[in-house]
Amino acid sequence: MRSLPLPLALTARLTPVAVLACAGWAMTSGPATPSTDDHRTAQNSPTQSASAPSSTAVSKSYDTAPAPCTSVPVGTVKSLVPGAKTAGREIPSTDAELRRTCSWNALQGYDYRWLDVSFEVAESDQEAKKEYEQRVAEKSGGGAVPGLGNTAYSVVNLTTEDKQETREGVVMARVSNALVIVTYNGSDFETKKAPSTDEINKGAIKAAKSAVAALQGGGSG
């Protein structure tokens, strides 16, 4: 069967860069003043050493981003992206310790599918929570995904370019100080129609569940 060129909109992929802020420790110390009593003997006079500095620990579970290309089982890749190389392709990152992304895509006949799985690690739970909330606010129209990480959100959108429809689903999940971001989309170049919202949404959530499980299985910190 003949294959058709991909639309320009499908050749560029979004590579979000998480802006990670560092959290510090506030340290306070102060010597305690010993109390004395003129009417007591020296051995009965209480003594007190300077109090130890206190610190506020940063809450986090992950120090580095796990390998994304092994985060989704081969069987899941085959079902979501028929014809794709199951090993996937890792996208170059400016900081592989903090952000890693794997991509799978294939055109089988006239059906095209693309799957991205990203892991992003922030300095603390609070920083990850803030980043997660900002991204959810930017993608309105979706809904919560119960039972996935600490919190998760899913949204599906339809775009049309030159009469060709593409439907894309995005699932974002936060697990402690890490974010899991899955993007899954598809098109039919024969009918110019996109897969159903249900198919794309379920596919993105399925991949996200695998990615979150892979993250939790390799947590450190």
N, C-alpha and C. Protein backbone atom coordinates (compact mmCIF):
# COMPACT_ATOMS: atom_id res chain seq x y z
N MET A 1 0.85 -1.20 0.00
CA MET A 1 0.00 0.00 0.00
C MET A 1 0.87 1.24 0.00
N ARG A 2 0.42 2.28 -0.65
CA ARG A 2 1.21 3.51 -0.69
C ARG A 2 1.14 4.22 0.65
N SER A 3 2.22 4.88 1.00
CA SER A 3 2.25 5.68 2.23
C SER A 3 2.31 7.14 1.85
N LEU A 4 1.74 7.98 2.62
CA LEU A 4 1.66 9.40 2.34
C LEU A 4 2.56 10.18 3.26
N PRO A 5 3.04 11.34 2.80
CA PRO A 5 3.89 12.17 3.69
C PRO A 5 3.12 12.67 4.89
N LEU A 6 3.79 12.85 5.98
CA LEU A 6 3.15 13.32 7.20
C LEU A 6 2.91 14.81 7.12
N PRO A 7 1.81 15.28 7.70
CA PRO A 7 1.59 16.72 7.74
C PRO A 7 2.64 17.40 8.61
N LEU A 8 2.91 18.66 8.28
CA LEU A 8 3.95 19.39 9.01
C LEU A 8 3.69 19.42 10.50
N ALA A 9 2.40 19.46 10.89
CA ALA A 9 2.07 19.56 12.31
C ALA A 9 2.53 18.35 13.09
N LEU A 10 2.75 17.19 12.38
CA LEU A 10 3.12 15.97 13.09
C LEU A 10 4.61 15.74 13.09
N THR A 11 5.39 16.61 12.42
CA THR A 11 6.84 16.41 12.38
C THR A 11 7.56 17.15 13.47
N ALA A 12 6.89 18.08 14.13
CA ALA A 12 7.53 18.82 15.23
C ALA A 12 6.88 18.41 16.54
N ARG A 13 7.67 18.06 17.47
CA ARG A 13 7.12 17.63 18.75
C ARG A 13 7.48 18.62 19.83
N LEU A 14 6.56 18.80 20.73
CA LEU A 14 6.79 19.70 21.86
C LEU A 14 7.76 19.06 22.83
N THR A 15 8.81 19.80 23.17
CA THR A 15 9.76 19.33 24.18
C THR A 15 9.76 20.32 25.32
N PRO A 16 8.78 20.19 26.21
CA PRO A 16 8.71 21.17 27.31
C PRO A 16 9.91 21.05 28.19
N VAL A 17 10.43 22.19 28.63
CA VAL A 17 11.55 22.21 29.57
C VAL A 17 11.03 22.70 30.89
N ALA A 18 11.10 21.81 31.84
CA ALA A 18 10.63 22.23 33.18
C ALA A 18 11.64 23.19 33.76
N VAL A 19 11.16 24.30 34.35
CA VAL A 19 12.02 25.26 35.05
C VAL A 19 12.05 24.85 36.51
N LEU A 20 13.22 24.35 36.94
CA LEU A 20 13.33 23.77 38.29
C LEU A 20 14.01 24.78 39.21
N ALA A 21 13.32 25.20 40.30
CA ALA A 21 13.88 26.14 41.27
C ALA A 21 14.41 25.39 42.46
N CYS A 22 15.49 25.85 43.05
CA CYS A 22 16.12 25.19 44.19
C CYS A 22 15.53 25.70 45.50
N ALA A 23 15.30 24.76 46.40
CA ALA A 23 14.80 25.14 47.73
C ALA A 23 15.95 25.08 48.72
N GLY A 24 16.01 26.00 49.64
CA GLY A 24 17.13 26.07 50.59
C GLY A 24 16.72 25.70 51.99
N TRP A 25 17.68 25.72 52.87
CA TRP A 25 17.44 25.42 54.26
C TRP A 25 17.59 26.68 55.09
N ALA A 26 16.64 26.92 56.00
CA ALA A 26 16.75 28.05 56.92
C ALA A 26 17.30 27.51 58.23
N MET A 27 18.41 28.06 58.64
CA MET A 27 19.06 27.54 59.84
C MET A 27 19.11 28.63 60.91
N THR A 28 18.71 28.27 62.09
CA THR A 28 18.74 29.22 63.20
C THR A 28 19.45 28.57 64.36
N SER A 29 20.16 29.35 65.12
CA SER A 29 20.80 28.84 66.32
C SER A 29 20.96 29.97 67.32
N GLY A 30 21.02 29.62 68.56
CA GLY A 30 21.21 30.63 69.58
C GLY A 30 21.55 29.97 70.89
N PRO A 31 22.59 30.48 71.55
CA PRO A 31 22.99 29.85 72.82
C PRO A 31 21.97 30.09 73.90
N ALA A 32 21.70 29.07 74.66
CA ALA A 32 20.78 29.22 75.79
C ALA A 32 21.54 29.76 76.98
N THR A 33 20.94 30.62 77.74
CA THR A 33 21.58 31.23 78.92
C THR A 33 21.38 30.33 80.12
N PRO A 34 22.48 29.87 80.74
CA PRO A 34 22.31 28.96 81.89
C PRO A 34 21.72 29.70 83.08
N SER A 35 20.84 29.04 83.80
CA SER A 35 20.24 29.64 85.00
C SER A 35 21.08 29.27 86.21
N THR A 36 21.27 30.19 87.12
CA THR A 36 22.07 29.95 88.32
C THR A 36 21.29 30.36 89.55
N ASP A 37 21.70 29.82 90.67
CA ASP A 37 21.06 30.14 91.95
C ASP A 37 22.17 30.32 92.98
N ASP A 38 22.28 31.55 93.56
CA ASP A 38 23.34 31.87 94.52
C ASP A 38 23.28 31.00 95.76
N HIS A 39 22.09 30.45 96.07
CA HIS A 39 21.93 29.68 97.30
C HIS A 39 22.17 28.19 97.10
N ARG A 40 22.55 27.77 95.78
CA ARG A 40 22.79 26.35 95.52
C ARG A 40 24.28 26.10 95.39
N THR A 41 24.68 24.90 95.61
CA THR A 41 26.07 24.52 95.46
C THR A 41 26.39 24.39 93.99
N ALA A 42 27.69 24.41 93.65
CA ALA A 42 28.09 24.38 92.24
C ALA A 42 27.60 23.12 91.55
N GLN A 43 27.68 21.97 92.28
CA GLN A 43 27.29 20.74 91.62
C GLN A 43 25.81 20.65 91.33
N ASN A 44 25.00 21.44 91.98
CA ASN A 44 23.56 21.42 91.75
C ASN A 44 23.10 22.49 90.77
N SER A 45 24.05 23.34 90.37
CA SER A 45 23.67 24.40 89.44
C SER A 45 23.49 23.82 88.05
N PRO A 46 22.32 24.03 87.36
CA PRO A 46 22.09 23.46 86.03
C PRO A 46 22.97 24.12 84.99
N THR A 47 23.44 23.35 84.05
CA THR A 47 24.19 23.88 82.92
C THR A 47 23.48 23.49 81.63
N GLN A 48 23.65 24.30 80.57
CA GLN A 48 22.94 24.05 79.30
C GLN A 48 23.83 24.47 78.15
N SER A 49 24.01 23.58 77.21
CA SER A 49 24.84 23.90 76.05
C SER A 49 24.00 24.60 75.00
N ALA A 50 24.70 25.20 74.02
CA ALA A 50 23.99 25.89 72.94
C ALA A 50 23.15 24.89 72.17
N SER A 51 21.95 25.33 71.79
CA SER A 51 21.06 24.43 71.05
C SER A 51 21.59 24.16 69.65
N ALA A 52 21.32 22.95 69.14
CA ALA A 52 21.78 22.57 67.81
C ALA A 52 20.97 23.29 66.74
N PRO A 53 21.59 23.60 65.60
CA PRO A 53 20.85 24.27 64.53
C PRO A 53 19.71 23.40 64.04
N SER A 54 18.63 24.04 63.67
CA SER A 54 17.48 23.31 63.12
C SER A 54 17.42 23.55 61.62
N SER A 55 16.85 22.62 60.91
CA SER A 55 16.75 22.77 59.46
C SER A 55 15.42 22.22 58.98
N THR A 56 15.00 22.70 57.82
CA THR A 56 13.77 22.23 57.19
C THR A 56 14.14 21.32 56.04
N ALA A 57 13.85 20.03 56.15
CA ALA A 57 14.23 19.07 55.12
C ALA A 57 13.36 19.24 53.88
N VAL A 58 13.97 19.04 52.71
CA VAL A 58 13.23 19.10 51.46
C VAL A 58 12.59 17.74 51.20
N SER A 59 11.29 17.73 50.94
CA SER A 59 10.58 16.49 50.69
C SER A 59 10.72 16.11 49.22
N LYS A 60 11.32 14.96 48.96
CA LYS A 60 11.49 14.47 47.59
C LYS A 60 11.75 12.98 47.61
N SER A 61 11.39 12.30 46.53
CA SER A 61 11.60 10.86 46.44
C SER A 61 12.55 10.47 45.32
N TYR A 62 12.77 11.37 44.35
CA TYR A 62 13.56 11.03 43.16
C TYR A 62 14.67 12.04 42.93
N ASP A 63 15.86 11.53 42.65
CA ASP A 63 17.01 12.38 42.37
C ASP A 63 17.27 12.51 40.87
N THR A 64 16.93 11.48 40.11
CA THR A 64 17.17 11.49 38.66
C THR A 64 15.97 10.93 37.91
N ALA A 65 15.88 11.28 36.66
CA ALA A 65 14.81 10.77 35.80
C ALA A 65 15.17 9.36 35.32
N PRO A 66 14.22 8.42 35.37
CA PRO A 66 14.51 7.05 34.92
C PRO A 66 14.56 6.95 33.40
N ALA A 67 15.00 5.80 32.91
CA ALA A 67 15.07 5.57 31.47
C ALA A 67 13.65 5.49 30.90
N PRO A 68 13.26 6.38 29.99
CA PRO A 68 11.88 6.39 29.51
C PRO A 68 11.55 5.31 28.49
N CYS A 69 12.56 4.86 27.73
CA CYS A 69 12.26 3.92 26.65
C CYS A 69 11.96 2.51 27.14
N THR A 70 12.23 2.24 28.41
CA THR A 70 11.87 0.94 28.98
C THR A 70 10.71 1.06 29.95
N SER A 71 10.08 2.23 29.98
CA SER A 71 8.99 2.47 30.94
C SER A 71 7.65 1.92 30.47
N VAL A 72 7.52 1.65 29.18
CA VAL A 72 6.26 1.13 28.62
C VAL A 72 6.52 -0.27 28.07
N PRO A 73 5.76 -1.26 28.51
CA PRO A 73 5.97 -2.63 28.04
C PRO A 73 5.87 -2.76 26.52
N VAL A 74 6.61 -3.70 25.97
CA VAL A 74 6.63 -3.92 24.53
C VAL A 74 5.22 -4.15 23.99
N GLY A 75 4.43 -4.95 24.71
CA GLY A 75 3.08 -5.23 24.26
C GLY A 75 2.22 -3.99 24.17
N THR A 76 2.41 -3.07 25.11
CA THR A 76 1.65 -1.81 25.09
C THR A 76 2.07 -0.95 23.92
N VAL A 77 3.38 -0.89 23.66
CA VAL A 77 3.87 -0.12 22.51
C VAL A 77 3.27 -0.67 21.22
N LYS A 78 3.27 -1.98 21.08
CA LYS A 78 2.74 -2.60 19.86
C LYS A 78 1.26 -2.30 19.66
N SER A 79 0.50 -2.26 20.76
CA SER A 79 -0.93 -2.02 20.63
C SER A 79 -1.25 -0.54 20.37
N LEU A 80 -0.45 0.35 20.95
CA LEU A 80 -0.72 1.78 20.79
C LEU A 80 -0.10 2.36 19.53
N VAL A 81 1.07 1.84 19.13
CA VAL A 81 1.77 2.36 17.95
C VAL A 81 2.14 1.19 17.04
N PRO A 82 1.16 0.63 16.33
CA PRO A 82 1.43 -0.52 15.47
C PRO A 82 2.52 -0.21 14.43
N GLY A 83 3.48 -1.12 14.33
CA GLY A 83 4.54 -0.94 13.35
C GLY A 83 5.74 -0.17 13.85
N ALA A 84 5.68 0.37 15.05
CA ALA A 84 6.80 1.15 15.58
C ALA A 84 7.91 0.24 16.10
N LYS A 85 9.14 0.74 16.10
CA LYS A 85 10.24 0.02 16.72
C LYS A 85 10.03 0.08 18.23
N THR A 86 9.88 -1.08 18.84
CA THR A 86 9.50 -1.11 20.25
C THR A 86 10.57 -0.55 21.18
N ALA A 87 11.81 -0.48 20.70
CA ALA A 87 12.88 0.07 21.55
C ALA A 87 12.71 1.57 21.76
N GLY A 88 11.96 2.23 20.88
CA GLY A 88 11.75 3.66 21.01
C GLY A 88 12.99 4.46 20.67
N ARG A 89 12.88 5.77 20.72
CA ARG A 89 14.01 6.66 20.45
C ARG A 89 14.04 7.74 21.52
N GLU A 90 15.14 7.78 22.28
CA GLU A 90 15.24 8.80 23.33
C GLU A 90 15.62 10.14 22.72
N ILE A 91 14.90 11.18 23.12
CA ILE A 91 15.13 12.53 22.62
C ILE A 91 16.28 13.17 23.40
N PRO A 92 17.25 13.79 22.73
CA PRO A 92 18.34 14.46 23.45
C PRO A 92 17.80 15.49 24.44
N SER A 93 18.41 15.55 25.62
CA SER A 93 17.97 16.45 26.67
C SER A 93 19.12 17.35 27.10
N THR A 94 18.80 18.56 27.52
CA THR A 94 19.82 19.48 28.02
C THR A 94 20.34 19.03 29.38
N ASP A 95 19.55 18.24 30.10
CA ASP A 95 19.97 17.71 31.39
C ASP A 95 19.28 16.37 31.62
N ALA A 96 19.96 15.30 31.22
CA ALA A 96 19.37 13.96 31.29
C ALA A 96 19.15 13.49 32.72
N GLU A 97 19.77 14.14 33.69
CA GLU A 97 19.52 13.78 35.08
C GLU A 97 18.12 14.19 35.51
N LEU A 98 17.63 15.30 34.94
CA LEU A 98 16.36 15.88 35.38
C LEU A 98 15.22 15.69 34.40
N ARG A 99 15.52 15.46 33.12
CA ARG A 99 14.44 15.32 32.16
C ARG A 99 14.84 14.36 31.04
N ARG A 100 13.98 13.34 30.81
CA ARG A 100 14.23 12.38 29.74
C ARG A 100 12.91 12.06 29.04
N THR A 101 12.99 11.89 27.72
CA THR A 101 11.80 11.63 26.91
C THR A 101 12.09 10.53 25.89
N CYS A 102 11.14 9.62 25.72
CA CYS A 102 11.25 8.60 24.68
C CYS A 102 10.06 8.74 23.73
N SER A 103 10.31 8.47 22.46
CA SER A 103 9.28 8.64 21.44
C SER A 103 9.16 7.39 20.58
N TRP A 104 7.91 7.05 20.27
CA TRP A 104 7.61 5.97 19.33
C TRP A 104 6.63 6.52 18.29
N ASN A 105 6.85 6.24 17.02
CA ASN A 105 5.88 6.66 16.01
C ASN A 105 5.98 5.74 14.80
N ALA A 106 4.86 5.59 14.10
CA ALA A 106 4.83 4.72 12.93
C ALA A 106 3.62 5.03 12.07
N LEU A 107 3.79 4.81 10.78
CA LEU A 107 2.70 4.89 9.82
C LEU A 107 2.49 3.48 9.28
N GLN A 108 1.34 2.89 9.61
CA GLN A 108 1.01 1.55 9.13
C GLN A 108 -0.17 1.68 8.19
N GLY A 109 0.09 1.45 6.90
CA GLY A 109 -0.95 1.72 5.92
C GLY A 109 -1.20 3.22 5.87
N TYR A 110 -2.41 3.61 6.23
CA TYR A 110 -2.75 5.02 6.29
C TYR A 110 -2.91 5.52 7.73
N ASP A 111 -2.76 4.61 8.69
CA ASP A 111 -2.95 4.98 10.09
C ASP A 111 -1.62 5.39 10.73
N TYR A 112 -1.63 6.55 11.33
CA TYR A 112 -0.43 7.10 11.96
C TYR A 112 -0.66 7.23 13.45
N ARG A 113 0.37 6.82 14.24
CA ARG A 113 0.30 6.98 15.70
C ARG A 113 1.64 7.49 16.22
N TRP A 114 1.56 8.29 17.28
CA TRP A 114 2.75 8.85 17.91
C TRP A 114 2.56 8.80 19.42
N LEU A 115 3.60 8.34 20.13
CA LEU A 115 3.57 8.26 21.59
C LEU A 115 4.85 8.84 22.17
N ASP A 116 4.72 9.75 23.09
CA ASP A 116 5.85 10.30 23.83
C ASP A 116 5.65 10.03 25.32
N VAL A 117 6.72 9.66 26.01
CA VAL A 117 6.69 9.50 27.47
C VAL A 117 7.86 10.29 28.04
N SER A 118 7.56 11.21 28.96
CA SER A 118 8.60 12.05 29.56
C SER A 118 8.59 11.93 31.08
N PHE A 119 9.79 12.00 31.65
CA PHE A 119 9.96 12.09 33.10
C PHE A 119 10.69 13.39 33.41
N GLU A 120 10.18 14.15 34.36
CA GLU A 120 10.83 15.38 34.78
C GLU A 120 10.94 15.37 36.31
N VAL A 121 12.13 15.68 36.81
CA VAL A 121 12.37 15.66 38.25
C VAL A 121 12.63 17.07 38.76
N ALA A 122 11.87 17.47 39.77
CA ALA A 122 12.04 18.78 40.39
C ALA A 122 12.82 18.64 41.69
N GLU A 123 13.20 19.78 42.28
CA GLU A 123 14.00 19.76 43.50
C GLU A 123 13.20 19.36 44.74
N SER A 124 11.89 19.48 44.66
CA SER A 124 11.07 19.15 45.83
C SER A 124 9.65 18.81 45.38
N ASP A 125 8.89 18.20 46.29
CA ASP A 125 7.49 17.92 46.02
C ASP A 125 6.74 19.21 45.71
N GLN A 126 7.05 20.26 46.46
CA GLN A 126 6.34 21.53 46.29
C GLN A 126 6.60 22.13 44.91
N GLU A 127 7.85 22.04 44.43
CA GLU A 127 8.16 22.57 43.11
C GLU A 127 7.44 21.77 42.02
N ALA A 128 7.40 20.45 42.17
CA ALA A 128 6.71 19.61 41.20
C ALA A 128 5.21 19.89 41.20
N LYS A 129 4.66 20.09 42.39
CA LYS A 129 3.23 20.39 42.51
C LYS A 129 2.90 21.70 41.81
N LYS A 130 3.75 22.70 42.00
CA LYS A 130 3.53 24.00 41.37
C LYS A 130 3.59 23.89 39.85
N GLU A 131 4.58 23.16 39.34
CA GLU A 131 4.73 22.98 37.90
C GLU A 131 3.54 22.21 37.33
N TYR A 132 3.11 21.17 38.04
CA TYR A 132 1.95 20.37 37.62
C TYR A 132 0.71 21.24 37.51
N GLU A 133 0.45 22.04 38.52
CA GLU A 133 -0.75 22.90 38.54
C GLU A 133 -0.72 23.92 37.42
N GLN A 134 0.45 24.45 37.10
CA GLN A 134 0.57 25.41 36.01
C GLN A 134 0.24 24.76 34.67
N ARG A 135 0.72 23.57 34.47
CA ARG A 135 0.48 22.88 33.20
C ARG A 135 -0.98 22.47 33.04
N VAL A 136 -1.58 22.03 34.13
CA VAL A 136 -3.00 21.67 34.07
C VAL A 136 -3.83 22.91 33.72
N ALA A 137 -3.47 24.05 34.31
CA ALA A 137 -4.21 25.29 34.04
C ALA A 137 -4.11 25.70 32.58
N GLU A 138 -2.99 25.34 31.93
CA GLU A 138 -2.80 25.69 30.52
C GLU A 138 -3.56 24.77 29.58
N LYS A 139 -4.03 23.63 30.08
CA LYS A 139 -4.73 22.66 29.23
C LYS A 139 -6.12 22.39 29.81
N SER A 140 -6.97 23.36 29.70
CA SER A 140 -8.31 23.23 30.25
C SER A 140 -9.16 22.27 29.41
N GLY A 141 -10.26 21.83 29.99
CA GLY A 141 -11.19 20.98 29.27
C GLY A 141 -11.05 19.50 29.55
N GLY A 142 -10.06 19.12 30.37
CA GLY A 142 -9.87 17.72 30.68
C GLY A 142 -10.46 17.36 32.04
N GLY A 143 -9.91 16.31 32.64
CA GLY A 143 -10.43 15.87 33.94
C GLY A 143 -9.40 15.05 34.68
N ALA A 144 -9.68 14.81 35.94
CA ALA A 144 -8.77 14.05 36.80
C ALA A 144 -8.75 12.58 36.40
N VAL A 145 -7.60 11.94 36.65
CA VAL A 145 -7.45 10.50 36.45
C VAL A 145 -7.25 9.88 37.83
N PRO A 146 -8.26 9.27 38.40
CA PRO A 146 -8.17 8.72 39.76
C PRO A 146 -7.15 7.59 39.87
N GLY A 147 -6.48 7.52 41.01
CA GLY A 147 -5.60 6.41 41.31
C GLY A 147 -4.28 6.40 40.58
N LEU A 148 -3.89 7.51 39.97
CA LEU A 148 -2.63 7.57 39.23
C LEU A 148 -1.70 8.58 39.90
N GLY A 149 -0.63 8.09 40.55
CA GLY A 149 0.29 8.97 41.24
C GLY A 149 -0.38 9.70 42.39
N ASN A 150 0.23 10.82 42.80
CA ASN A 150 -0.39 11.67 43.82
C ASN A 150 -1.60 12.39 43.25
N THR A 151 -1.49 12.76 41.98
CA THR A 151 -2.59 13.41 41.27
C THR A 151 -2.31 13.31 39.78
N ALA A 152 -3.36 13.23 38.98
CA ALA A 152 -3.17 13.09 37.53
C ALA A 152 -4.33 13.73 36.78
N TYR A 153 -4.03 14.13 35.55
CA TYR A 153 -4.99 14.88 34.73
C TYR A 153 -4.88 14.41 33.28
N SER A 154 -6.01 14.34 32.60
CA SER A 154 -6.04 13.90 31.21
C SER A 154 -6.89 14.86 30.37
N VAL A 155 -6.41 15.16 29.16
CA VAL A 155 -7.16 16.03 28.26
C VAL A 155 -6.93 15.56 26.82
N VAL A 156 -7.95 15.66 25.99
CA VAL A 156 -7.87 15.26 24.58
C VAL A 156 -8.36 16.42 23.72
N ASN A 157 -7.60 16.72 22.66
CA ASN A 157 -7.98 17.81 21.76
C ASN A 157 -7.90 17.36 20.30
N LEU A 158 -8.74 17.96 19.47
CA LEU A 158 -8.77 17.67 18.04
C LEU A 158 -8.28 18.89 17.28
N THR A 159 -7.33 18.68 16.36
CA THR A 159 -6.87 19.76 15.49
C THR A 159 -7.06 19.35 14.04
N THR A 160 -7.21 20.33 13.16
CA THR A 160 -7.40 20.07 11.73
C THR A 160 -6.47 20.97 10.94
N GLU A 161 -5.69 20.37 10.03
CA GLU A 161 -4.79 21.13 9.16
C GLU A 161 -4.92 20.58 7.75
N ASP A 162 -5.26 21.46 6.81
CA ASP A 162 -5.50 21.03 5.42
C ASP A 162 -6.50 19.89 5.35
N LYS A 163 -7.56 20.01 6.13
CA LYS A 163 -8.66 19.05 6.18
C LYS A 163 -8.26 17.71 6.81
N GLN A 164 -7.03 17.61 7.31
CA GLN A 164 -6.59 16.39 7.98
C GLN A 164 -6.74 16.55 9.48
N GLU A 165 -7.52 15.65 10.09
CA GLU A 165 -7.73 15.69 11.53
C GLU A 165 -6.64 14.92 12.28
N THR A 166 -6.27 15.44 13.43
CA THR A 166 -5.36 14.76 14.34
C THR A 166 -5.92 14.91 15.75
N ARG A 167 -6.05 13.82 16.44
CA ARG A 167 -6.54 13.88 17.82
C ARG A 167 -5.38 13.54 18.76
N GLU A 168 -5.19 14.39 19.76
CA GLU A 168 -4.06 14.21 20.68
C GLU A 168 -4.53 14.17 22.13
N GLY A 169 -4.02 13.20 22.86
CA GLY A 169 -4.31 13.09 24.28
C GLY A 169 -3.06 13.33 25.10
N VAL A 170 -3.21 14.04 26.20
CA VAL A 170 -2.09 14.31 27.11
C VAL A 170 -2.50 13.90 28.51
N VAL A 171 -1.64 13.12 29.16
CA VAL A 171 -1.85 12.75 30.56
C VAL A 171 -0.65 13.25 31.35
N MET A 172 -0.93 13.98 32.42
CA MET A 172 0.11 14.47 33.31
C MET A 172 -0.14 13.91 34.70
N ALA A 173 0.90 13.34 35.28
CA ALA A 173 0.79 12.78 36.63
C ALA A 173 1.95 13.27 37.48
N ARG A 174 1.66 13.54 38.76
CA ARG A 174 2.73 13.91 39.69
C ARG A 174 2.91 12.79 40.71
N VAL A 175 4.16 12.39 40.90
CA VAL A 175 4.50 11.41 41.91
C VAL A 175 5.63 12.02 42.74
N SER A 176 5.31 12.48 43.94
CA SER A 176 6.29 13.16 44.78
C SER A 176 6.88 14.34 44.01
N ASN A 177 8.20 14.37 43.80
CA ASN A 177 8.83 15.50 43.12
C ASN A 177 9.07 15.24 41.63
N ALA A 178 8.40 14.23 41.08
CA ALA A 178 8.55 13.90 39.66
C ALA A 178 7.25 14.08 38.90
N LEU A 179 7.37 14.47 37.63
CA LEU A 179 6.22 14.56 36.74
C LEU A 179 6.35 13.52 35.64
N VAL A 180 5.25 12.87 35.33
CA VAL A 180 5.18 11.94 34.20
C VAL A 180 4.23 12.56 33.18
N ILE A 181 4.72 12.76 31.96
CA ILE A 181 3.91 13.40 30.93
C ILE A 181 3.85 12.49 29.71
N VAL A 182 2.65 12.10 29.33
CA VAL A 182 2.44 11.21 28.18
C VAL A 182 1.63 11.95 27.12
N THR A 183 2.10 11.90 25.89
CA THR A 183 1.38 12.48 24.75
C THR A 183 1.14 11.38 23.73
N TYR A 184 -0.10 11.24 23.30
CA TYR A 184 -0.46 10.18 22.36
C TYR A 184 -1.41 10.75 21.32
N ASN A 185 -1.06 10.61 20.03
CA ASN A 185 -1.96 11.13 19.00
C ASN A 185 -2.04 10.22 17.79
N GLY A 186 -3.02 10.50 16.95
CA GLY A 186 -3.21 9.67 15.78
C GLY A 186 -4.01 10.34 14.69
N SER A 187 -3.82 9.82 13.46
CA SER A 187 -4.53 10.32 12.28
C SER A 187 -4.75 9.17 11.32
N ASP A 188 -5.76 9.31 10.47
CA ASP A 188 -5.99 8.37 9.37
C ASP A 188 -5.86 9.18 8.08
N PHE A 189 -4.80 8.90 7.30
CA PHE A 189 -4.53 9.70 6.12
C PHE A 189 -5.38 9.31 4.91
N GLU A 190 -6.15 8.25 5.04
CA GLU A 190 -7.05 7.86 3.94
C GLU A 190 -8.39 8.58 4.09
N THR A 191 -8.96 8.48 5.28
CA THR A 191 -10.26 9.12 5.51
C THR A 191 -10.11 10.58 5.96
N LYS A 192 -8.87 10.94 6.37
CA LYS A 192 -8.57 12.26 6.93
C LYS A 192 -9.26 12.49 8.28
N LYS A 193 -9.78 11.43 8.85
CA LYS A 193 -10.40 11.51 10.16
C LYS A 193 -9.41 11.10 11.24
N ALA A 194 -9.69 11.50 12.45
CA ALA A 194 -8.85 11.15 13.59
C ALA A 194 -9.48 10.00 14.37
N PRO A 195 -8.68 9.26 15.13
CA PRO A 195 -9.25 8.23 16.01
C PRO A 195 -10.21 8.88 17.01
N SER A 196 -11.04 8.07 17.62
CA SER A 196 -12.03 8.60 18.57
C SER A 196 -11.34 9.15 19.83
N THR A 197 -12.06 10.03 20.50
CA THR A 197 -11.56 10.58 21.77
C THR A 197 -11.32 9.47 22.77
N ASP A 198 -12.22 8.49 22.81
CA ASP A 198 -12.10 7.39 23.77
C ASP A 198 -10.84 6.57 23.51
N GLU A 199 -10.56 6.29 22.25
CA GLU A 199 -9.37 5.49 21.91
C GLU A 199 -8.09 6.21 22.33
N ILE A 200 -8.00 7.48 22.00
CA ILE A 200 -6.80 8.25 22.32
C ILE A 200 -6.65 8.44 23.83
N ASN A 201 -7.74 8.75 24.50
CA ASN A 201 -7.67 8.97 25.94
C ASN A 201 -7.26 7.70 26.68
N LYS A 202 -7.89 6.59 26.35
CA LYS A 202 -7.57 5.33 27.00
C LYS A 202 -6.13 4.91 26.71
N GLY A 203 -5.67 5.16 25.49
CA GLY A 203 -4.30 4.81 25.13
C GLY A 203 -3.29 5.61 25.93
N ALA A 204 -3.54 6.91 26.05
CA ALA A 204 -2.63 7.78 26.81
C ALA A 204 -2.60 7.39 28.28
N ILE A 205 -3.75 7.09 28.85
CA ILE A 205 -3.81 6.70 30.26
C ILE A 205 -3.11 5.36 30.48
N LYS A 206 -3.27 4.43 29.55
CA LYS A 206 -2.62 3.13 29.67
C LYS A 206 -1.10 3.29 29.70
N ALA A 207 -0.57 4.11 28.80
CA ALA A 207 0.87 4.35 28.77
C ALA A 207 1.33 5.07 30.05
N ALA A 208 0.52 6.00 30.52
CA ALA A 208 0.86 6.76 31.73
C ALA A 208 0.93 5.84 32.95
N LYS A 209 0.01 4.90 33.04
CA LYS A 209 0.02 3.97 34.18
C LYS A 209 1.30 3.13 34.18
N SER A 210 1.73 2.71 33.00
CA SER A 210 2.97 1.95 32.91
C SER A 210 4.17 2.80 33.30
N ALA A 211 4.18 4.05 32.84
CA ALA A 211 5.29 4.96 33.13
C ALA A 211 5.37 5.27 34.62
N VAL A 212 4.24 5.51 35.25
CA VAL A 212 4.22 5.79 36.68
C VAL A 212 4.70 4.57 37.47
N ALA A 213 4.29 3.39 37.06
CA ALA A 213 4.74 2.17 37.73
C ALA A 213 6.25 2.00 37.58
N ALA A 214 6.79 2.32 36.41
CA ALA A 214 8.24 2.23 36.18
C ALA A 214 8.98 3.23 37.06
N LEU A 215 8.42 4.43 37.20
CA LEU A 215 9.04 5.45 38.05
C LEU A 215 9.06 5.01 39.50
N GLN A 216 7.93 4.54 39.99
CA GLN A 216 7.83 4.13 41.38
C GLN A 216 8.70 2.91 41.67
N GLY A 217 8.90 2.07 40.68
CA GLY A 217 9.74 0.90 40.88
C GLY A 217 11.21 1.22 40.96
N GLY A 218 11.59 2.41 40.46
CA GLY A 218 13.01 2.77 40.46
C GLY A 218 13.30 4.00 41.27
N GLY A 219 12.41 4.34 42.23
CA GLY A 219 12.57 5.56 43.02
C GLY A 219 13.80 5.50 43.91
N SER A 220 14.33 6.69 44.19
CA SER A 220 15.48 6.80 45.08
C SER A 220 15.36 8.09 45.87
N GLY A 221 16.11 8.19 46.97
CA GLY A 221 16.07 9.42 47.73
C GLY A 221 15.53 9.18 49.11
